[in-house]
Amino acid sequence: MENGVIQVPKTYTRIIEESDVLGFGQSCDRKTGFLLKGLAASKPGGSFLELGTGTGASASWIMDGMDEDSNLTTVDIDSAVQSIARKYLGNDSRITFCCEDGAAFIQNLSEGFDFIFADTWPGKFELLDKTLDHLNIGGFYVIHDVFPQQKLPEGYKIKATKLLKTLQDRSDLDITELDWATGLVLAVKTAV
């Protein structure tokens, strides 16, 4: 942070500009990104998963915190939206893009991850247990948009409330609710 301003990844501003042109208004905000970057930096040599690439705003933050031995797999069903992320982040060998339905991707998972950012319904509201089965012990599971907002679909608040309760009731997670940005939940896996 310099003079109270969060330093953003070089690609973030360009991704946001192109997102605006495309009319994509669901990008990760700076405060959420700043947290994602810090969490990523705490997992050297880590294996990262992002469910919901969007245009790549959050991926740019995660990658900014990752070391050279880490890797990020990011998944989105919308190739037009994901093409912006590919344009700005695709030359980095640490990232792998998957353009497919998130639920199908989760169903076919075989490896574990040190960090999962669930930014879409699959992995958050759908297939939560299956997703968390692939989170390594000590790994982070992060969701945002927990607070009600205008941009979120009707019924989201009810789903978010139920999701929080489900996460809190799990004995294998240590949950921290953050009154930060759009409302975040940081879960750390503590047991199998």
N, C-alpha and C. Protein backbone atom coordinates (compact mmCIF):
# COMPACT_ATOMS: atom_id res chain seq x y z
N MET A 1 0.84 -1.17 0.00
CA MET A 1 0.00 0.00 0.00
C MET A 1 0.89 1.23 0.00
N GLU A 2 0.60 2.16 -0.86
CA GLU A 2 1.39 3.37 -0.94
C GLU A 2 0.44 4.56 -0.82
N ASN A 3 0.66 5.41 0.18
CA ASN A 3 -0.22 6.57 0.42
C ASN A 3 -1.69 6.17 0.53
N GLY A 4 -1.95 5.02 1.16
CA GLY A 4 -3.33 4.59 1.35
C GLY A 4 -3.98 4.01 0.11
N VAL A 5 -3.23 3.83 -0.97
CA VAL A 5 -3.78 3.30 -2.21
C VAL A 5 -3.26 1.87 -2.40
N ILE A 6 -4.16 0.95 -2.62
CA ILE A 6 -3.78 -0.44 -2.86
C ILE A 6 -3.10 -0.54 -4.22
N GLN A 7 -1.89 -1.11 -4.24
CA GLN A 7 -1.16 -1.30 -5.49
C GLN A 7 -1.81 -2.46 -6.26
N VAL A 8 -2.19 -2.21 -7.48
CA VAL A 8 -2.89 -3.22 -8.26
C VAL A 8 -1.93 -3.91 -9.23
N PRO A 9 -2.23 -5.16 -9.59
CA PRO A 9 -1.42 -5.84 -10.60
C PRO A 9 -1.45 -5.06 -11.92
N LYS A 10 -0.38 -5.15 -12.68
CA LYS A 10 -0.27 -4.40 -13.93
C LYS A 10 -1.44 -4.70 -14.88
N THR A 11 -1.90 -5.94 -14.90
CA THR A 11 -2.95 -6.33 -15.83
C THR A 11 -4.36 -5.98 -15.35
N TYR A 12 -4.52 -5.74 -14.06
CA TYR A 12 -5.85 -5.54 -13.48
C TYR A 12 -6.60 -4.36 -14.13
N THR A 13 -5.94 -3.22 -14.24
CA THR A 13 -6.60 -2.03 -14.80
C THR A 13 -7.07 -2.27 -16.23
N ARG A 14 -6.23 -2.92 -17.04
CA ARG A 14 -6.62 -3.20 -18.43
C ARG A 14 -7.77 -4.20 -18.49
N ILE A 15 -7.75 -5.18 -17.59
CA ILE A 15 -8.85 -6.15 -17.54
C ILE A 15 -10.15 -5.46 -17.17
N ILE A 16 -10.12 -4.57 -16.20
CA ILE A 16 -11.32 -3.84 -15.78
C ILE A 16 -11.83 -2.95 -16.91
N GLU A 17 -10.93 -2.28 -17.62
CA GLU A 17 -11.33 -1.43 -18.74
C GLU A 17 -12.04 -2.24 -19.81
N GLU A 18 -11.48 -3.39 -20.19
CA GLU A 18 -12.12 -4.23 -21.21
C GLU A 18 -13.41 -4.86 -20.70
N SER A 19 -13.47 -5.15 -19.40
CA SER A 19 -14.69 -5.67 -18.80
C SER A 19 -15.82 -4.66 -18.94
N ASP A 20 -15.49 -3.40 -18.69
CA ASP A 20 -16.49 -2.32 -18.82
C ASP A 20 -17.00 -2.21 -20.25
N VAL A 21 -16.09 -2.29 -21.22
CA VAL A 21 -16.48 -2.23 -22.63
C VAL A 21 -17.41 -3.39 -22.98
N LEU A 22 -17.10 -4.57 -22.45
CA LEU A 22 -17.90 -5.77 -22.69
C LEU A 22 -19.23 -5.71 -21.94
N GLY A 23 -19.31 -4.85 -20.91
CA GLY A 23 -20.52 -4.78 -20.09
C GLY A 23 -20.53 -5.82 -18.98
N PHE A 24 -19.35 -6.34 -18.65
CA PHE A 24 -19.22 -7.34 -17.59
C PHE A 24 -18.95 -6.60 -16.28
N GLY A 25 -19.93 -6.61 -15.38
CA GLY A 25 -19.83 -5.85 -14.13
C GLY A 25 -19.65 -6.70 -12.90
N GLN A 26 -19.15 -7.91 -13.05
CA GLN A 26 -19.03 -8.82 -11.90
C GLN A 26 -17.59 -9.06 -11.51
N SER A 27 -16.70 -8.16 -11.85
CA SER A 27 -15.28 -8.36 -11.55
C SER A 27 -14.98 -8.16 -10.07
N CYS A 28 -13.94 -8.80 -9.66
CA CYS A 28 -13.41 -8.71 -8.30
C CYS A 28 -13.02 -7.26 -8.00
N ASP A 29 -13.46 -6.75 -6.84
CA ASP A 29 -13.07 -5.39 -6.46
C ASP A 29 -11.64 -5.39 -5.90
N ARG A 30 -11.07 -4.21 -5.74
CA ARG A 30 -9.68 -4.08 -5.30
C ARG A 30 -9.44 -4.64 -3.91
N LYS A 31 -10.37 -4.41 -2.99
CA LYS A 31 -10.16 -4.90 -1.62
C LYS A 31 -10.14 -6.43 -1.58
N THR A 32 -11.06 -7.05 -2.30
CA THR A 32 -11.07 -8.51 -2.36
C THR A 32 -9.77 -8.99 -3.01
N GLY A 33 -9.38 -8.34 -4.09
CA GLY A 33 -8.15 -8.71 -4.78
C GLY A 33 -6.92 -8.60 -3.89
N PHE A 34 -6.86 -7.55 -3.11
CA PHE A 34 -5.73 -7.35 -2.21
C PHE A 34 -5.62 -8.51 -1.22
N LEU A 35 -6.77 -8.98 -0.70
CA LEU A 35 -6.77 -10.12 0.21
C LEU A 35 -6.34 -11.39 -0.53
N LEU A 36 -6.88 -11.62 -1.73
CA LEU A 36 -6.51 -12.80 -2.51
C LEU A 36 -5.00 -12.84 -2.77
N LYS A 37 -4.44 -11.70 -3.09
CA LYS A 37 -2.99 -11.62 -3.33
C LYS A 37 -2.21 -12.02 -2.09
N GLY A 38 -2.60 -11.50 -0.93
CA GLY A 38 -1.91 -11.82 0.32
C GLY A 38 -2.02 -13.29 0.68
N LEU A 39 -3.21 -13.84 0.51
CA LEU A 39 -3.40 -15.26 0.80
C LEU A 39 -2.57 -16.13 -0.15
N ALA A 40 -2.53 -15.75 -1.42
CA ALA A 40 -1.75 -16.51 -2.40
C ALA A 40 -0.26 -16.48 -2.04
N ALA A 41 0.21 -15.35 -1.57
CA ALA A 41 1.62 -15.23 -1.21
C ALA A 41 2.00 -16.13 -0.04
N SER A 42 1.01 -16.54 0.75
CA SER A 42 1.29 -17.39 1.91
C SER A 42 1.40 -18.88 1.54
N LYS A 43 1.20 -19.20 0.26
CA LYS A 43 1.23 -20.60 -0.20
C LYS A 43 2.30 -20.79 -1.27
N PRO A 44 3.60 -20.68 -0.91
CA PRO A 44 4.64 -20.88 -1.92
C PRO A 44 4.57 -22.30 -2.51
N GLY A 45 4.76 -22.37 -3.80
CA GLY A 45 4.67 -23.65 -4.50
C GLY A 45 3.27 -24.22 -4.49
N GLY A 46 2.29 -23.35 -4.30
CA GLY A 46 0.90 -23.78 -4.12
C GLY A 46 0.17 -24.12 -5.41
N SER A 47 -0.88 -24.88 -5.21
CA SER A 47 -1.80 -25.24 -6.29
C SER A 47 -3.11 -24.52 -6.03
N PHE A 48 -3.50 -23.64 -6.95
CA PHE A 48 -4.64 -22.74 -6.78
C PHE A 48 -5.74 -23.09 -7.77
N LEU A 49 -6.98 -22.92 -7.33
CA LEU A 49 -8.14 -23.14 -8.20
C LEU A 49 -9.08 -21.95 -8.06
N GLU A 50 -9.49 -21.42 -9.21
CA GLU A 50 -10.50 -20.35 -9.25
C GLU A 50 -11.69 -20.89 -10.03
N LEU A 51 -12.83 -20.90 -9.39
CA LEU A 51 -14.08 -21.32 -10.03
C LEU A 51 -14.84 -20.06 -10.43
N GLY A 52 -14.79 -19.73 -11.71
CA GLY A 52 -15.40 -18.51 -12.22
C GLY A 52 -14.33 -17.50 -12.63
N THR A 53 -13.70 -17.72 -13.77
CA THR A 53 -12.65 -16.82 -14.26
C THR A 53 -13.19 -15.42 -14.48
N GLY A 54 -14.41 -15.34 -15.06
CA GLY A 54 -14.89 -14.03 -15.50
C GLY A 54 -13.90 -13.49 -16.51
N THR A 55 -13.55 -12.22 -16.38
CA THR A 55 -12.60 -11.60 -17.29
C THR A 55 -11.17 -11.64 -16.77
N GLY A 56 -10.97 -12.24 -15.59
CA GLY A 56 -9.62 -12.44 -15.08
C GLY A 56 -9.17 -11.47 -14.01
N ALA A 57 -10.06 -10.63 -13.51
CA ALA A 57 -9.66 -9.65 -12.49
C ALA A 57 -9.11 -10.33 -11.24
N SER A 58 -9.85 -11.28 -10.69
CA SER A 58 -9.37 -11.95 -9.47
C SER A 58 -8.15 -12.81 -9.76
N ALA A 59 -8.11 -13.44 -10.92
CA ALA A 59 -6.93 -14.23 -11.29
C ALA A 59 -5.68 -13.36 -11.34
N SER A 60 -5.82 -12.11 -11.79
CA SER A 60 -4.64 -11.22 -11.85
C SER A 60 -4.11 -10.96 -10.44
N TRP A 61 -4.99 -10.83 -9.47
CA TRP A 61 -4.56 -10.63 -8.08
C TRP A 61 -3.91 -11.88 -7.52
N ILE A 62 -4.56 -13.03 -7.74
CA ILE A 62 -4.01 -14.29 -7.22
C ILE A 62 -2.61 -14.51 -7.79
N MET A 63 -2.47 -14.32 -9.09
CA MET A 63 -1.18 -14.53 -9.74
C MET A 63 -0.13 -13.53 -9.26
N ASP A 64 -0.56 -12.33 -8.91
CA ASP A 64 0.37 -11.33 -8.41
C ASP A 64 0.97 -11.76 -7.06
N GLY A 65 0.22 -12.57 -6.31
CA GLY A 65 0.72 -13.07 -5.03
C GLY A 65 1.45 -14.39 -5.12
N MET A 66 1.24 -15.13 -6.21
CA MET A 66 1.86 -16.45 -6.37
C MET A 66 3.35 -16.35 -6.65
N ASP A 67 4.11 -17.34 -6.17
CA ASP A 67 5.52 -17.40 -6.56
C ASP A 67 5.66 -18.16 -7.88
N GLU A 68 6.87 -18.27 -8.35
CA GLU A 68 7.12 -18.90 -9.66
C GLU A 68 6.85 -20.40 -9.69
N ASP A 69 6.81 -21.02 -8.51
CA ASP A 69 6.58 -22.47 -8.45
C ASP A 69 5.12 -22.83 -8.24
N SER A 70 4.26 -21.83 -8.18
CA SER A 70 2.82 -22.06 -7.98
C SER A 70 2.12 -22.17 -9.31
N ASN A 71 0.88 -22.71 -9.28
CA ASN A 71 0.08 -22.77 -10.50
C ASN A 71 -1.38 -22.50 -10.17
N LEU A 72 -2.06 -21.92 -11.13
CA LEU A 72 -3.48 -21.56 -11.00
C LEU A 72 -4.26 -22.20 -12.13
N THR A 73 -5.32 -22.92 -11.78
CA THR A 73 -6.28 -23.42 -12.75
C THR A 73 -7.53 -22.58 -12.58
N THR A 74 -8.02 -22.01 -13.67
CA THR A 74 -9.20 -21.16 -13.59
C THR A 74 -10.25 -21.65 -14.60
N VAL A 75 -11.50 -21.67 -14.15
CA VAL A 75 -12.58 -22.31 -14.90
C VAL A 75 -13.72 -21.32 -15.13
N ASP A 76 -14.23 -21.29 -16.36
CA ASP A 76 -15.43 -20.50 -16.66
C ASP A 76 -16.11 -21.11 -17.87
N ILE A 77 -17.41 -21.01 -17.90
CA ILE A 77 -18.20 -21.58 -19.00
C ILE A 77 -18.29 -20.62 -20.19
N ASP A 78 -18.05 -19.32 -19.98
CA ASP A 78 -18.25 -18.30 -20.99
C ASP A 78 -16.92 -17.95 -21.67
N SER A 79 -16.72 -18.46 -22.86
CA SER A 79 -15.45 -18.25 -23.57
C SER A 79 -15.24 -16.78 -23.96
N ALA A 80 -16.31 -16.05 -24.26
CA ALA A 80 -16.17 -14.64 -24.64
C ALA A 80 -15.64 -13.82 -23.46
N VAL A 81 -16.17 -14.07 -22.29
CA VAL A 81 -15.71 -13.36 -21.09
C VAL A 81 -14.29 -13.80 -20.74
N GLN A 82 -14.06 -15.11 -20.76
CA GLN A 82 -12.75 -15.65 -20.39
C GLN A 82 -11.66 -15.21 -21.37
N SER A 83 -12.04 -14.83 -22.59
CA SER A 83 -11.05 -14.43 -23.59
C SER A 83 -10.26 -13.19 -23.14
N ILE A 84 -10.87 -12.34 -22.35
CA ILE A 84 -10.16 -11.17 -21.83
C ILE A 84 -9.06 -11.63 -20.87
N ALA A 85 -9.40 -12.58 -19.99
CA ALA A 85 -8.39 -13.13 -19.08
C ALA A 85 -7.26 -13.78 -19.86
N ARG A 86 -7.61 -14.53 -20.89
CA ARG A 86 -6.59 -15.20 -21.71
C ARG A 86 -5.67 -14.17 -22.38
N LYS A 87 -6.26 -13.08 -22.83
CA LYS A 87 -5.49 -12.03 -23.52
C LYS A 87 -4.42 -11.44 -22.60
N TYR A 88 -4.79 -11.16 -21.35
CA TYR A 88 -3.87 -10.47 -20.44
C TYR A 88 -3.05 -11.39 -19.54
N LEU A 89 -3.51 -12.61 -19.33
CA LEU A 89 -2.82 -13.50 -18.40
C LEU A 89 -2.28 -14.77 -19.06
N GLY A 90 -2.73 -15.05 -20.28
CA GLY A 90 -2.43 -16.32 -20.94
C GLY A 90 -0.99 -16.58 -21.29
N ASN A 91 -0.15 -15.56 -21.30
CA ASN A 91 1.27 -15.77 -21.62
C ASN A 91 2.08 -16.24 -20.42
N ASP A 92 1.44 -16.32 -19.27
CA ASP A 92 2.11 -16.76 -18.05
C ASP A 92 1.94 -18.27 -17.92
N SER A 93 3.03 -19.01 -17.85
CA SER A 93 2.97 -20.47 -17.81
C SER A 93 2.38 -21.01 -16.51
N ARG A 94 2.18 -20.17 -15.51
CA ARG A 94 1.64 -20.63 -14.23
C ARG A 94 0.12 -20.79 -14.25
N ILE A 95 -0.54 -20.33 -15.31
CA ILE A 95 -2.01 -20.38 -15.36
C ILE A 95 -2.49 -21.36 -16.43
N THR A 96 -3.56 -22.08 -16.08
CA THR A 96 -4.23 -22.98 -17.01
C THR A 96 -5.69 -22.58 -17.06
N PHE A 97 -6.21 -22.36 -18.27
CA PHE A 97 -7.60 -21.99 -18.46
C PHE A 97 -8.42 -23.22 -18.86
N CYS A 98 -9.56 -23.37 -18.23
CA CYS A 98 -10.52 -24.41 -18.62
C CYS A 98 -11.82 -23.71 -18.95
N CYS A 99 -12.30 -23.91 -20.16
CA CYS A 99 -13.58 -23.33 -20.56
C CYS A 99 -14.59 -24.46 -20.58
N GLU A 100 -15.28 -24.61 -19.45
CA GLU A 100 -16.30 -25.64 -19.33
C GLU A 100 -17.21 -25.30 -18.16
N ASP A 101 -18.28 -26.03 -18.06
CA ASP A 101 -19.22 -25.87 -16.96
C ASP A 101 -18.50 -26.18 -15.65
N GLY A 102 -18.64 -25.31 -14.66
CA GLY A 102 -17.98 -25.49 -13.38
C GLY A 102 -18.38 -26.76 -12.67
N ALA A 103 -19.66 -27.12 -12.75
CA ALA A 103 -20.13 -28.34 -12.10
C ALA A 103 -19.49 -29.57 -12.71
N ALA A 104 -19.39 -29.60 -14.03
CA ALA A 104 -18.75 -30.74 -14.71
C ALA A 104 -17.27 -30.81 -14.34
N PHE A 105 -16.63 -29.65 -14.27
CA PHE A 105 -15.22 -29.60 -13.89
C PHE A 105 -15.03 -30.18 -12.49
N ILE A 106 -15.86 -29.75 -11.54
CA ILE A 106 -15.75 -30.23 -10.15
C ILE A 106 -15.98 -31.74 -10.08
N GLN A 107 -16.96 -32.23 -10.83
CA GLN A 107 -17.27 -33.67 -10.82
C GLN A 107 -16.08 -34.50 -11.28
N ASN A 108 -15.24 -33.95 -12.13
CA ASN A 108 -14.11 -34.68 -12.69
C ASN A 108 -12.78 -34.40 -12.00
N LEU A 109 -12.80 -33.63 -10.92
CA LEU A 109 -11.56 -33.31 -10.21
C LEU A 109 -10.92 -34.55 -9.61
N SER A 110 -9.59 -34.59 -9.67
CA SER A 110 -8.87 -35.69 -9.03
C SER A 110 -7.76 -35.19 -8.10
N GLU A 111 -7.32 -33.95 -8.28
CA GLU A 111 -6.21 -33.45 -7.47
C GLU A 111 -6.70 -32.54 -6.34
N GLY A 112 -5.79 -32.26 -5.41
CA GLY A 112 -6.08 -31.37 -4.30
C GLY A 112 -5.51 -29.99 -4.53
N PHE A 113 -6.03 -29.01 -3.83
CA PHE A 113 -5.61 -27.61 -3.99
C PHE A 113 -5.31 -26.99 -2.63
N ASP A 114 -4.39 -26.05 -2.64
CA ASP A 114 -4.01 -25.32 -1.43
C ASP A 114 -4.88 -24.08 -1.23
N PHE A 115 -5.63 -23.72 -2.27
CA PHE A 115 -6.38 -22.46 -2.27
C PHE A 115 -7.49 -22.60 -3.30
N ILE A 116 -8.72 -22.40 -2.89
CA ILE A 116 -9.85 -22.42 -3.83
C ILE A 116 -10.62 -21.12 -3.65
N PHE A 117 -10.74 -20.35 -4.72
CA PHE A 117 -11.58 -19.16 -4.73
C PHE A 117 -12.82 -19.51 -5.54
N ALA A 118 -13.94 -19.66 -4.84
CA ALA A 118 -15.20 -20.04 -5.49
C ALA A 118 -15.99 -18.77 -5.78
N ASP A 119 -15.94 -18.34 -7.02
CA ASP A 119 -16.55 -17.08 -7.44
C ASP A 119 -17.75 -17.31 -8.35
N THR A 120 -18.24 -18.52 -8.39
CA THR A 120 -19.42 -18.83 -9.18
C THR A 120 -20.26 -19.84 -8.42
N TRP A 121 -21.44 -20.16 -8.89
CA TRP A 121 -22.36 -21.02 -8.15
C TRP A 121 -21.80 -22.42 -7.93
N PRO A 122 -21.27 -23.10 -8.98
CA PRO A 122 -20.64 -24.39 -8.70
C PRO A 122 -19.40 -24.17 -7.83
N GLY A 123 -19.32 -24.92 -6.77
CA GLY A 123 -18.22 -24.76 -5.82
C GLY A 123 -18.59 -23.90 -4.64
N LYS A 124 -19.72 -23.21 -4.76
CA LYS A 124 -20.21 -22.35 -3.68
C LYS A 124 -21.61 -22.81 -3.28
N PHE A 125 -22.56 -22.68 -4.15
CA PHE A 125 -23.94 -23.07 -3.87
C PHE A 125 -24.26 -24.48 -4.38
N GLU A 126 -23.46 -24.96 -5.28
CA GLU A 126 -23.62 -26.30 -5.84
C GLU A 126 -22.31 -27.06 -5.65
N LEU A 127 -22.41 -28.32 -5.30
CA LEU A 127 -21.25 -29.20 -5.17
C LEU A 127 -20.22 -28.71 -4.14
N LEU A 128 -20.71 -28.10 -3.08
CA LEU A 128 -19.81 -27.58 -2.04
C LEU A 128 -18.99 -28.70 -1.42
N ASP A 129 -19.64 -29.79 -1.02
CA ASP A 129 -18.91 -30.89 -0.38
C ASP A 129 -17.84 -31.47 -1.30
N LYS A 130 -18.20 -31.68 -2.55
CA LYS A 130 -17.25 -32.22 -3.53
C LYS A 130 -16.07 -31.27 -3.72
N THR A 131 -16.35 -29.97 -3.75
CA THR A 131 -15.29 -28.97 -3.90
C THR A 131 -14.36 -29.01 -2.70
N LEU A 132 -14.93 -29.02 -1.50
CA LEU A 132 -14.12 -29.00 -0.28
C LEU A 132 -13.34 -30.31 -0.09
N ASP A 133 -13.81 -31.39 -0.70
CA ASP A 133 -13.06 -32.65 -0.67
C ASP A 133 -11.69 -32.49 -1.35
N HIS A 134 -11.57 -31.50 -2.22
CA HIS A 134 -10.33 -31.28 -2.97
C HIS A 134 -9.49 -30.14 -2.41
N LEU A 135 -9.84 -29.69 -1.21
CA LEU A 135 -9.05 -28.68 -0.52
C LEU A 135 -8.10 -29.39 0.44
N ASN A 136 -6.81 -29.13 0.29
CA ASN A 136 -5.81 -29.75 1.14
C ASN A 136 -5.91 -29.24 2.57
N ILE A 137 -5.43 -30.04 3.53
CA ILE A 137 -5.36 -29.61 4.92
C ILE A 137 -4.50 -28.34 4.98
N GLY A 138 -4.99 -27.34 5.69
CA GLY A 138 -4.30 -26.05 5.75
C GLY A 138 -4.62 -25.13 4.59
N GLY A 139 -5.42 -25.63 3.64
CA GLY A 139 -5.77 -24.85 2.46
C GLY A 139 -6.87 -23.84 2.74
N PHE A 140 -6.90 -22.80 1.91
CA PHE A 140 -7.91 -21.74 2.01
C PHE A 140 -9.05 -21.98 1.03
N TYR A 141 -10.26 -21.78 1.51
CA TYR A 141 -11.46 -21.73 0.67
C TYR A 141 -12.01 -20.32 0.86
N VAL A 142 -12.13 -19.56 -0.22
CA VAL A 142 -12.53 -18.16 -0.14
C VAL A 142 -13.74 -17.92 -1.02
N ILE A 143 -14.72 -17.22 -0.46
CA ILE A 143 -15.87 -16.74 -1.24
C ILE A 143 -16.07 -15.26 -0.92
N HIS A 144 -16.65 -14.55 -1.87
CA HIS A 144 -16.99 -13.14 -1.62
C HIS A 144 -18.43 -12.90 -2.05
N ASP A 145 -18.86 -11.65 -1.99
CA ASP A 145 -20.25 -11.27 -2.29
C ASP A 145 -21.21 -11.88 -1.26
N VAL A 146 -20.79 -11.94 -0.01
CA VAL A 146 -21.64 -12.46 1.05
C VAL A 146 -22.67 -11.42 1.48
N PHE A 147 -22.33 -10.12 1.36
CA PHE A 147 -23.28 -9.06 1.69
C PHE A 147 -24.26 -8.87 0.54
N PRO A 148 -25.52 -8.55 0.85
CA PRO A 148 -26.49 -8.27 -0.23
C PRO A 148 -26.04 -7.04 -1.04
N GLN A 149 -26.19 -7.13 -2.36
CA GLN A 149 -25.83 -6.04 -3.25
C GLN A 149 -26.81 -5.97 -4.41
N GLN A 150 -26.88 -4.80 -5.02
CA GLN A 150 -27.78 -4.59 -6.15
C GLN A 150 -27.46 -5.53 -7.31
N LYS A 151 -26.18 -5.76 -7.58
CA LYS A 151 -25.78 -6.52 -8.77
C LYS A 151 -26.08 -8.02 -8.68
N LEU A 152 -26.38 -8.50 -7.47
CA LEU A 152 -26.58 -9.93 -7.28
C LEU A 152 -28.01 -10.33 -7.57
N PRO A 153 -28.20 -11.56 -8.07
CA PRO A 153 -29.55 -12.03 -8.42
C PRO A 153 -30.46 -12.14 -7.21
N GLU A 154 -31.75 -12.07 -7.49
CA GLU A 154 -32.78 -12.25 -6.45
C GLU A 154 -32.57 -13.63 -5.80
N GLY A 155 -32.72 -13.69 -4.52
CA GLY A 155 -32.58 -14.95 -3.82
C GLY A 155 -31.15 -15.27 -3.38
N TYR A 156 -30.19 -14.47 -3.83
CA TYR A 156 -28.79 -14.70 -3.48
C TYR A 156 -28.57 -14.60 -1.97
N LYS A 157 -29.21 -13.59 -1.34
CA LYS A 157 -29.03 -13.39 0.10
C LYS A 157 -29.46 -14.63 0.88
N ILE A 158 -30.56 -15.25 0.48
CA ILE A 158 -31.04 -16.46 1.16
C ILE A 158 -30.03 -17.58 0.98
N LYS A 159 -29.53 -17.74 -0.25
CA LYS A 159 -28.53 -18.78 -0.51
C LYS A 159 -27.24 -18.51 0.27
N ALA A 160 -26.81 -17.25 0.33
CA ALA A 160 -25.58 -16.90 1.05
C ALA A 160 -25.73 -17.18 2.54
N THR A 161 -26.88 -16.89 3.10
CA THR A 161 -27.14 -17.14 4.52
C THR A 161 -27.08 -18.64 4.81
N LYS A 162 -27.69 -19.44 3.96
CA LYS A 162 -27.65 -20.90 4.13
C LYS A 162 -26.23 -21.44 3.97
N LEU A 163 -25.50 -20.89 3.02
CA LEU A 163 -24.13 -21.31 2.79
C LEU A 163 -23.27 -21.03 4.02
N LEU A 164 -23.40 -19.85 4.58
CA LEU A 164 -22.64 -19.51 5.79
C LEU A 164 -22.92 -20.50 6.91
N LYS A 165 -24.18 -20.81 7.12
CA LYS A 165 -24.57 -21.76 8.16
C LYS A 165 -23.95 -23.14 7.89
N THR A 166 -24.00 -23.58 6.64
CA THR A 166 -23.42 -24.87 6.26
C THR A 166 -21.92 -24.89 6.55
N LEU A 167 -21.22 -23.82 6.18
CA LEU A 167 -19.78 -23.75 6.42
C LEU A 167 -19.47 -23.73 7.92
N GLN A 168 -20.24 -22.96 8.67
CA GLN A 168 -20.04 -22.86 10.12
C GLN A 168 -20.26 -24.20 10.82
N ASP A 169 -21.15 -25.01 10.30
CA ASP A 169 -21.49 -26.29 10.92
C ASP A 169 -20.48 -27.41 10.60
N ARG A 170 -19.58 -27.16 9.68
CA ARG A 170 -18.61 -28.20 9.30
C ARG A 170 -17.50 -28.28 10.35
N SER A 171 -17.20 -29.49 10.79
CA SER A 171 -16.15 -29.68 11.80
C SER A 171 -14.75 -29.69 11.20
N ASP A 172 -14.65 -29.74 9.86
CA ASP A 172 -13.34 -29.79 9.21
C ASP A 172 -12.84 -28.42 8.74
N LEU A 173 -13.58 -27.36 9.08
CA LEU A 173 -13.20 -26.02 8.64
C LEU A 173 -13.15 -25.05 9.82
N ASP A 174 -12.22 -24.12 9.76
CA ASP A 174 -12.17 -22.99 10.68
C ASP A 174 -12.58 -21.77 9.86
N ILE A 175 -13.70 -21.16 10.23
CA ILE A 175 -14.31 -20.10 9.43
C ILE A 175 -14.02 -18.73 10.00
N THR A 176 -13.67 -17.79 9.11
CA THR A 176 -13.55 -16.39 9.48
C THR A 176 -14.43 -15.60 8.52
N GLU A 177 -15.41 -14.88 9.07
CA GLU A 177 -16.25 -14.00 8.27
C GLU A 177 -15.62 -12.62 8.31
N LEU A 178 -15.42 -12.04 7.14
CA LEU A 178 -14.75 -10.74 7.05
C LEU A 178 -15.71 -9.66 6.60
N ASP A 179 -15.82 -8.63 7.40
CA ASP A 179 -16.61 -7.46 7.05
C ASP A 179 -15.72 -6.56 6.19
N TRP A 180 -15.47 -7.01 4.99
CA TRP A 180 -14.48 -6.41 4.11
C TRP A 180 -15.01 -6.47 2.69
N ALA A 181 -14.88 -5.40 1.97
CA ALA A 181 -15.30 -5.33 0.57
C ALA A 181 -16.77 -5.73 0.43
N THR A 182 -17.06 -6.78 -0.33
CA THR A 182 -18.44 -7.21 -0.57
C THR A 182 -18.88 -8.27 0.43
N GLY A 183 -18.07 -8.46 1.46
CA GLY A 183 -18.33 -9.51 2.46
C GLY A 183 -17.64 -10.78 2.02
N LEU A 184 -16.69 -11.23 2.81
CA LEU A 184 -15.92 -12.42 2.45
C LEU A 184 -15.98 -13.47 3.55
N VAL A 185 -15.78 -14.69 3.14
CA VAL A 185 -15.61 -15.79 4.08
C VAL A 185 -14.29 -16.45 3.72
N LEU A 186 -13.46 -16.64 4.74
CA LEU A 186 -12.20 -17.35 4.60
C LEU A 186 -12.31 -18.59 5.47
N ALA A 187 -12.25 -19.75 4.85
CA ALA A 187 -12.29 -21.02 5.56
C ALA A 187 -10.94 -21.70 5.40
N VAL A 188 -10.44 -22.25 6.49
CA VAL A 188 -9.20 -23.02 6.47
C VAL A 188 -9.56 -24.46 6.79
N LYS A 189 -9.12 -25.38 5.94
CA LYS A 189 -9.41 -26.80 6.18
C LYS A 189 -8.48 -27.32 7.27
N THR A 190 -9.09 -27.87 8.32
CA THR A 190 -8.31 -28.32 9.48
C THR A 190 -8.30 -29.82 9.65
N ALA A 191 -9.14 -30.54 8.93
CA ALA A 191 -9.23 -32.00 9.05
C ALA A 191 -9.79 -32.59 7.77
N VAL A 192 -9.58 -33.89 7.62
CA VAL A 192 -10.11 -34.60 6.45
C VAL A 192 -11.58 -34.89 6.66
